[in-house]
Amino acid sequence: MLRFADVLYMAAADLQMERDQLERRFREWVRKGMVEPSPSFDALLDNSDYLPADVIGILAAERGLSFFWSYGQAVRQLRGEPARAHLTR
């Protein structure tokens, strides 16, 4: 029988795996030219993990994004929300 702590650990590991997969899909989508319609990345809206430098460069050059360094900030700006330079991680 699984203990409660084991179940919680397994649930947390599953959530981390899902987030990692979504981050990877986002990076691949950007690197492959951001073909429209874009997949939904709404689950990354509150994600504060840092983006790789090449992805930041592509988003800045091709989509005009600014003042962003995390997945959540990039996804929000891609949705049309304004950049918020005063935000810190």
Foldseek 3Di string as FASTA:
>chain_A
DDDPVRVVVVVVVVVVVVVVVLLVVVQVCLVVPVDPPHDDSVVCLPPADFDDPVSVVSCCVPVVDDQDGTSNQSNCVVVPDHHDNPDDD
